């Protein structure tokens, strides 16, 4: 049986330390514990690294410790993923101002990831986004990608 390939978007690491959202924090911790004990592959992208670099020092260090602990493969943003991200933006799926959200989806898509895990309910884990991404991906010859919160993935 093929192992599931998970792309962990930046908010997954961020919510482990979200004292202002204790329910999501606990769900995220539980999700990470469960997937670390199951046969699966974990991925992040250079965009995740770039976003973590913008966090305050104490949080940044803690998030990097999580990355070290779970050891996801870092996927590069390349011309193919940039073109796909621009298509998502051009079609109005993701606003230009939030282009990193488009890059998360595009990098995961071109690398044949099974599931994007995110707490970004505004632009990524949203029914409109899921449907529109599926349509663009089919038009562009890519496979299906699931988009879910850690809670949905449990």
Protein backbone atom coordinates (compact mmCIF):
# COMPACT_ATOMS: atom_id res chain seq x y z
CA UNK A 1 0.00 0.00 0.00
CA UNK A 2 1.26 3.45 -0.93
CA UNK A 3 2.05 5.75 2.00
CA UNK A 4 0.24 9.09 2.14
CA UNK A 5 2.26 12.17 1.22
CA UNK A 6 1.40 15.16 3.43
CA UNK A 7 2.39 18.76 2.75
CA UNK A 8 2.46 20.68 6.03
CA UNK A 9 1.70 24.35 5.45
CA UNK A 10 3.21 26.92 7.83
CA UNK A 11 0.11 27.27 10.01
CA UNK A 12 0.51 23.66 11.18
CA UNK A 13 3.80 24.53 12.87
CA UNK A 14 2.45 27.87 14.06
CA UNK A 15 -0.61 26.40 15.81
CA UNK A 16 1.51 24.08 17.96
CA UNK A 17 2.36 27.27 19.86
CA UNK A 18 -1.03 29.03 19.60
CA UNK A 19 -1.84 29.79 23.22
CA UNK A 20 -4.75 31.92 22.00
CA UNK A 21 -6.32 28.87 20.27
CA UNK A 22 -5.88 25.98 22.73
CA UNK A 23 -8.31 23.66 20.96
CA UNK A 24 -6.53 23.98 17.60
CA UNK A 25 -3.16 23.72 19.38
CA UNK A 26 -4.13 20.37 20.94
CA UNK A 27 -5.61 19.04 17.69
CA UNK A 28 -2.42 19.99 15.85
CA UNK A 29 -0.22 18.29 18.42
CA UNK A 30 -2.36 15.16 18.25
CA UNK A 31 -2.23 15.19 14.44
CA UNK A 32 1.57 15.44 14.44
CA UNK A 33 1.87 12.62 16.98
CA UNK A 34 -0.39 10.35 14.93
CA UNK A 35 1.26 10.95 11.57
CA UNK A 36 4.73 10.52 13.05
CA UNK A 37 3.65 7.04 14.18
CA UNK A 38 2.17 6.01 10.82
CA UNK A 39 3.81 5.16 7.52
CA UNK A 40 3.61 8.41 5.59
CA UNK A 41 5.85 11.00 3.98
CA UNK A 42 6.02 14.59 5.19
CA UNK A 43 6.86 17.59 3.05
CA UNK A 44 7.21 21.34 3.38
CA UNK A 45 8.46 23.90 0.90
CA UNK A 46 10.89 26.77 0.73
CA UNK A 47 7.82 28.99 1.23
CA UNK A 48 7.25 27.42 4.67
CA UNK A 49 10.88 28.18 5.56
CA UNK A 50 10.53 31.77 4.29
CA UNK A 51 7.38 32.32 6.37
CA UNK A 52 8.94 30.83 9.51
CA UNK A 53 11.93 33.13 9.03
CA UNK A 54 9.53 36.08 9.49
CA UNK A 55 8.29 34.87 12.89
CA UNK A 56 9.58 36.39 16.15
CA UNK A 57 12.83 34.77 17.29
CA UNK A 58 11.44 32.60 20.10
CA UNK A 59 8.63 31.23 17.96
CA UNK A 60 10.91 30.81 14.94
CA UNK A 61 13.35 28.71 16.97
CA UNK A 62 10.53 26.55 18.32
CA UNK A 63 9.06 26.00 14.85
CA UNK A 64 12.48 25.02 13.48
CA UNK A 65 12.81 22.52 16.33
CA UNK A 66 9.50 20.98 15.20
CA UNK A 67 10.75 20.77 11.63
CA UNK A 68 13.91 19.07 12.85
CA UNK A 69 11.83 16.64 14.94
CA UNK A 70 9.48 15.60 12.11
CA UNK A 71 12.13 15.91 9.38
CA UNK A 72 9.94 16.71 6.38
CA UNK A 73 11.46 16.82 2.91
CA UNK A 74 11.81 20.42 1.70
CA UNK A 75 10.39 20.93 -1.79
CA UNK A 76 11.81 23.63 -4.03
CA UNK A 77 9.70 26.24 -5.71
CA UNK A 78 10.49 25.92 -9.41
CA UNK A 79 9.28 27.39 -12.69
CA UNK A 80 6.48 24.83 -12.98
CA UNK A 81 5.10 25.56 -9.50
CA UNK A 82 5.47 29.32 -10.05
CA UNK A 83 3.44 29.10 -13.27
CA UNK A 84 0.73 27.08 -11.54
CA UNK A 85 0.63 29.52 -8.60
CA UNK A 86 0.27 32.41 -11.04
CA UNK A 87 -2.62 30.57 -12.67
CA UNK A 88 -4.37 30.22 -9.29
CA UNK A 89 -3.86 33.94 -8.72
CA UNK A 90 -4.87 34.89 -12.25
CA UNK A 91 -8.09 32.90 -11.96
CA UNK A 92 -8.92 34.69 -8.70
CA UNK A 93 -8.61 31.57 -6.53
CA UNK A 94 -5.96 33.17 -4.31
CA UNK A 95 -5.55 36.97 -4.06
CA UNK A 96 -2.23 38.34 -5.34
CA UNK A 97 -1.56 39.81 -1.90
CA UNK A 98 -1.46 36.24 -0.49
CA UNK A 99 0.67 34.69 -3.21
CA UNK A 100 2.47 32.45 -0.71
CA UNK A 101 -0.82 30.59 -0.25
CA UNK A 102 -0.89 29.92 -3.99
CA UNK A 103 2.73 28.76 -3.84
CA UNK A 104 1.94 26.27 -1.06
CA UNK A 105 -0.81 24.69 -3.16
CA UNK A 106 1.18 24.76 -6.39
CA UNK A 107 4.36 23.25 -4.94
CA UNK A 108 2.34 20.45 -3.36
CA UNK A 109 0.44 19.86 -6.60
CA UNK A 110 3.43 19.65 -8.94
CA UNK A 111 5.15 17.29 -6.51
CA UNK A 112 2.18 14.89 -6.51
CA UNK A 113 1.41 15.35 -2.81
CA UNK A 114 -1.77 13.63 -1.62
CA UNK A 115 -2.90 16.07 1.08
CA UNK A 116 -2.15 19.67 2.05
CA UNK A 117 -2.62 20.17 5.80
CA UNK A 118 -3.31 23.75 6.87
CA UNK A 119 -5.20 25.90 9.34
CA UNK A 120 -5.46 28.72 6.77
CA UNK A 121 -9.23 28.80 6.50
CA UNK A 122 -9.28 32.10 4.65
CA UNK A 123 -7.47 31.11 1.45
CA UNK A 124 -6.41 27.45 1.51
CA UNK A 125 -8.84 25.22 3.44
CA UNK A 126 -11.96 26.68 1.91
CA UNK A 127 -14.58 24.98 -0.26
CA UNK A 128 -14.26 27.58 -3.04
CA UNK A 129 -10.48 27.08 -3.12
CA UNK A 130 -10.75 23.28 -3.11
CA UNK A 131 -13.20 23.24 -6.03
CA UNK A 132 -11.33 25.85 -8.08
CA UNK A 133 -7.91 24.24 -7.49
CA UNK A 134 -9.33 20.88 -8.57
CA UNK A 135 -10.64 22.47 -11.78
CA UNK A 136 -7.39 24.24 -12.65
CA UNK A 137 -5.34 21.15 -11.79
CA UNK A 138 -7.44 19.00 -14.12
CA UNK A 139 -7.16 21.57 -16.91
CA UNK A 140 -3.40 21.69 -16.42
CA UNK A 141 -3.01 17.89 -16.32
CA UNK A 142 -2.31 17.48 -12.60
CA UNK A 143 -3.80 14.93 -10.26
CA UNK A 144 -6.20 15.44 -7.41
CA UNK A 145 -4.96 16.97 -4.17
CA UNK A 146 -6.89 16.98 -0.93
CA UNK A 147 -6.83 20.08 1.26
CA UNK A 148 -7.70 19.63 4.94
CA UNK A 149 -7.18 20.93 8.46
CA UNK A 150 -5.31 18.75 10.94
CA UNK A 151 -8.69 18.05 12.55
CA UNK A 152 -10.19 16.79 9.28
CA UNK A 153 -7.12 14.64 8.66
CA UNK A 154 -7.47 12.93 12.03
